[in-house]
Amino acid sequence: MVGADTPGVTVTPLQALDLTRRFADVRFESVSVPASAVVGTPGAAQASVDAQLDVAVALTLAESIGAMRRLAEITVDYAKARIAFGRPIGSFQALKHILADISFWAEVSTAGASAAAEAVADARPTASEIVSIAKAYAGDAATQLAQQCLQVHGGIGFTWEHDLHFYLRRLATDRVLYGDPEWHRERICRIHGL
């Protein structure tokens, strides 16, 4: 354990895409700590680190799913209420396809996140693999979902006055938090010795 006020530790606040979160860059340069600061057995922390990563990813997935589902709900409601050419825009075939895709991505991501949470809660030996599969899928799906919701909203979706950008920013941040989809696909390969 190293305190933030330890000589050689530098904490620099960062600006983030997600305006509702705070991030920092933590650097260690020539930091010395006593042996009593060591937690656990040196060189034997990988299993604990993996387990903590799995919990963090499962929780981030749950948050992403909530944002995806709410964004889909807002978009469907907008498509029902927005009238163009005398009828709701959601009745146009092109938008029906987009809304179907949005629903599909949200449902499949929900199933993956649920499986990941159960695997972590049960401490299954396959938890890391399940978590990474869910994170890789949901990370890509969330970005597509948010972009398509933006398209359905049209011009109003690009304004600061609409909340859509908060969801888009959260999903874009969650996509890379604790490993982006590419990293998680690589992790799955490492688990299988590929």
Protein backbone atom coordinates (compact mmCIF):
# COMPACT_ATOMS: atom_id res chain seq x y z
CA MET A 1 0.00 0.00 0.00
CA VAL A 2 1.39 3.36 -1.04
CA GLY A 3 -0.08 6.63 0.19
CA ALA A 4 -0.72 9.39 -2.31
CA ASP A 5 1.53 11.70 -0.26
CA THR A 6 4.53 9.33 -0.50
CA PRO A 7 7.60 11.03 -2.07
CA GLY A 8 7.79 10.11 -5.76
CA VAL A 9 4.04 9.56 -6.17
CA THR A 10 2.41 12.06 -8.54
CA VAL A 11 -1.36 12.22 -9.05
CA THR A 12 -2.50 14.34 -12.00
CA PRO A 13 -6.23 14.90 -12.59
CA LEU A 14 -7.32 14.15 -16.17
CA GLN A 15 -10.13 15.48 -18.30
CA ALA A 16 -12.53 12.73 -19.33
CA LEU A 17 -14.99 12.20 -22.14
CA ASP A 18 -17.60 11.32 -19.50
CA LEU A 19 -18.30 14.64 -17.78
CA THR A 20 -19.73 12.90 -14.70
CA ARG A 21 -16.55 10.97 -13.79
CA ARG A 22 -13.14 11.91 -12.46
CA PHE A 23 -9.95 10.17 -13.57
CA ALA A 24 -6.30 10.67 -12.66
CA ASP A 25 -2.88 9.62 -13.89
CA VAL A 26 -0.85 8.10 -11.02
CA ARG A 27 2.91 7.87 -11.50
CA PHE A 28 5.55 6.25 -9.32
CA GLU A 29 9.14 7.50 -9.69
CA SER A 30 11.83 6.10 -7.36
CA VAL A 31 9.22 5.33 -4.71
CA SER A 32 10.53 3.43 -1.70
CA VAL A 33 8.24 1.70 0.76
CA PRO A 34 8.95 -0.48 3.77
CA ALA A 35 8.37 -4.24 3.63
CA SER A 36 5.31 -3.71 5.86
CA ALA A 37 3.60 -1.90 2.95
CA VAL A 38 3.55 -5.09 0.86
CA VAL A 39 0.09 -6.66 0.73
CA GLY A 40 0.00 -10.42 0.21
CA THR A 41 2.87 -12.52 -1.06
CA PRO A 42 5.16 -10.91 -3.65
CA GLY A 43 4.67 -12.54 -7.05
CA ALA A 44 1.47 -14.32 -6.03
CA ALA A 45 -1.12 -11.62 -6.66
CA GLN A 46 -2.28 -12.56 -10.18
CA ALA A 47 -5.31 -14.60 -9.07
CA SER A 48 -6.49 -11.77 -6.80
CA VAL A 49 -5.91 -9.15 -9.49
CA ASP A 50 -7.87 -11.25 -12.02
CA ALA A 51 -10.74 -11.73 -9.55
CA GLN A 52 -10.87 -8.00 -8.80
CA LEU A 53 -10.78 -7.19 -12.51
CA ASP A 54 -13.69 -9.59 -13.09
CA VAL A 55 -15.75 -7.87 -10.38
CA ALA A 56 -14.93 -4.41 -11.75
CA VAL A 57 -15.85 -5.46 -15.30
CA ALA A 58 -19.10 -7.12 -14.16
CA LEU A 59 -20.11 -3.94 -12.32
CA THR A 60 -19.18 -1.76 -15.30
CA LEU A 61 -21.23 -4.04 -17.53
CA ALA A 62 -24.25 -3.60 -15.26
CA GLU A 63 -23.86 0.16 -15.51
CA SER A 64 -23.48 -0.01 -19.30
CA ILE A 65 -26.58 -2.16 -19.62
CA GLY A 66 -28.59 0.36 -17.61
CA ALA A 67 -27.39 3.17 -19.88
CA MET A 68 -28.05 1.12 -23.04
CA ARG A 69 -31.57 0.17 -21.97
CA ARG A 70 -32.44 3.73 -20.93
CA LEU A 71 -31.04 5.15 -24.14
CA ALA A 72 -33.04 2.63 -26.17
CA GLU A 73 -36.19 3.55 -24.21
CA ILE A 74 -35.65 7.28 -24.77
CA THR A 75 -35.09 6.65 -28.48
CA VAL A 76 -38.18 4.49 -28.95
CA ASP A 77 -40.28 7.07 -27.12
CA TYR A 78 -38.86 9.82 -29.34
CA ALA A 79 -39.53 7.78 -32.50
CA LYS A 80 -43.16 7.37 -31.40
CA ALA A 81 -43.63 11.05 -30.54
CA ARG A 82 -41.73 12.79 -33.36
CA ILE A 83 -44.02 13.43 -36.32
CA ALA A 84 -42.75 13.88 -39.88
CA PHE A 85 -44.82 13.81 -43.07
CA GLY A 86 -47.95 13.37 -40.97
CA ARG A 87 -46.90 10.24 -39.04
CA PRO A 88 -44.48 9.13 -36.29
CA ILE A 89 -40.92 8.67 -37.58
CA GLY A 90 -40.84 5.26 -35.90
CA SER A 91 -43.32 4.03 -38.52
CA PHE A 92 -40.76 4.48 -41.32
CA GLN A 93 -39.18 1.18 -42.37
CA ALA A 94 -35.57 2.41 -42.16
CA LEU A 95 -36.08 3.54 -38.56
CA LYS A 96 -37.88 0.30 -37.68
CA HIS A 97 -34.72 -1.58 -38.65
CA ILE A 98 -32.56 0.73 -36.54
CA LEU A 99 -34.90 0.37 -33.55
CA ALA A 100 -34.85 -3.42 -33.94
CA ASP A 101 -31.04 -3.41 -33.96
CA ILE A 102 -30.97 -1.19 -30.87
CA SER A 103 -33.31 -3.57 -29.06
CA PHE A 104 -31.26 -6.61 -30.13
CA TRP A 105 -27.95 -5.12 -28.95
CA ALA A 106 -29.47 -4.16 -25.59
CA GLU A 107 -31.03 -7.60 -25.03
CA VAL A 108 -27.94 -9.63 -25.99
CA SER A 109 -25.72 -7.36 -23.88
CA THR A 110 -28.11 -7.77 -20.94
CA ALA A 111 -27.90 -11.56 -21.21
CA GLY A 112 -24.10 -11.43 -21.35
CA ALA A 113 -23.87 -9.09 -18.38
CA SER A 114 -26.21 -11.31 -16.39
CA ALA A 115 -24.09 -14.37 -17.17
CA ALA A 116 -20.95 -12.47 -16.19
CA ALA A 117 -22.43 -11.31 -12.88
CA GLU A 118 -23.58 -14.84 -12.03
CA ALA A 119 -20.18 -16.33 -12.91
CA VAL A 120 -18.37 -13.79 -10.74
CA ALA A 121 -20.84 -14.19 -7.85
CA ASP A 122 -20.44 -17.97 -7.97
CA ALA A 123 -16.62 -17.68 -8.32
CA ARG A 124 -16.70 -20.07 -11.27
CA PRO A 125 -13.38 -21.11 -12.77
CA THR A 126 -14.68 -19.80 -16.12
CA ALA A 127 -15.64 -16.38 -14.69
CA SER A 128 -12.78 -14.48 -16.39
CA GLU A 129 -13.68 -15.92 -19.78
CA ILE A 130 -17.40 -15.22 -19.38
CA VAL A 131 -16.72 -11.67 -18.16
CA SER A 132 -14.42 -10.98 -21.12
CA ILE A 133 -16.90 -12.39 -23.64
CA ALA A 134 -19.65 -10.16 -22.22
CA LYS A 135 -17.38 -7.08 -22.06
CA ALA A 136 -16.12 -7.53 -25.62
CA TYR A 137 -19.64 -7.87 -27.01
CA ALA A 138 -21.27 -5.15 -24.91
CA GLY A 139 -18.44 -2.69 -25.52
CA ASP A 140 -18.92 -2.88 -29.27
CA ALA A 141 -22.72 -3.10 -29.08
CA ALA A 142 -23.02 -0.11 -26.74
CA THR A 143 -21.10 2.13 -29.09
CA GLN A 144 -23.22 1.05 -32.06
CA LEU A 145 -26.40 1.45 -30.04
CA ALA A 146 -25.49 4.96 -28.90
CA GLN A 147 -24.54 6.04 -32.42
CA GLN A 148 -27.78 4.70 -33.88
CA CYS A 149 -29.83 6.38 -31.16
CA LEU A 150 -28.11 9.62 -32.08
CA GLN A 151 -29.10 9.09 -35.71
CA VAL A 152 -32.75 8.48 -34.81
CA HIS A 153 -32.85 11.69 -32.79
CA GLY A 154 -31.38 13.68 -35.65
CA GLY A 155 -30.38 17.28 -34.98
CA ILE A 156 -31.77 17.47 -31.44
CA GLY A 157 -29.53 14.56 -30.45
CA PHE A 158 -26.43 16.62 -31.23
CA THR A 159 -27.34 19.48 -28.90
CA TRP A 160 -26.14 20.10 -25.35
CA GLU A 161 -29.78 20.56 -24.35
CA HIS A 162 -30.56 16.86 -24.91
CA ASP A 163 -29.32 14.25 -22.42
CA LEU A 164 -28.37 11.80 -25.16
CA HIS A 165 -24.72 12.90 -25.13
CA PHE A 166 -24.38 11.93 -21.45
CA TYR A 167 -25.32 8.33 -22.31
CA LEU A 168 -23.08 8.30 -25.36
CA ARG A 169 -20.15 9.60 -23.28
CA ARG A 170 -20.79 7.08 -20.50
CA LEU A 171 -20.99 4.16 -22.93
CA ALA A 172 -17.86 5.27 -24.80
CA THR A 173 -15.98 5.51 -21.48
CA ASP A 174 -17.31 2.17 -20.21
CA ARG A 175 -16.20 0.58 -23.50
CA VAL A 176 -12.54 1.18 -22.65
CA LEU A 177 -12.70 1.10 -18.84
CA TYR A 178 -10.99 -2.08 -17.54
CA GLY A 179 -10.03 -3.15 -21.05
CA ASP A 180 -11.54 -2.41 -24.44
CA PRO A 181 -13.21 -5.14 -26.53
CA GLU A 182 -9.96 -5.95 -28.34
CA TRP A 183 -8.12 -6.44 -25.03
CA HIS A 184 -10.86 -8.75 -23.76
CA ARG A 185 -10.83 -10.81 -26.95
CA GLU A 186 -7.06 -11.17 -26.51
CA ARG A 187 -7.64 -12.19 -22.88
CA ILE A 188 -10.00 -14.94 -24.05
CA CYS A 189 -7.28 -16.16 -26.41
CA ARG A 190 -4.70 -16.15 -23.58
CA ILE A 191 -7.08 -18.14 -21.35
CA HIS A 192 -7.22 -20.81 -24.07
CA GLY A 193 -3.49 -20.71 -24.71
CA LEU A 194 -3.86 -19.17 -28.16
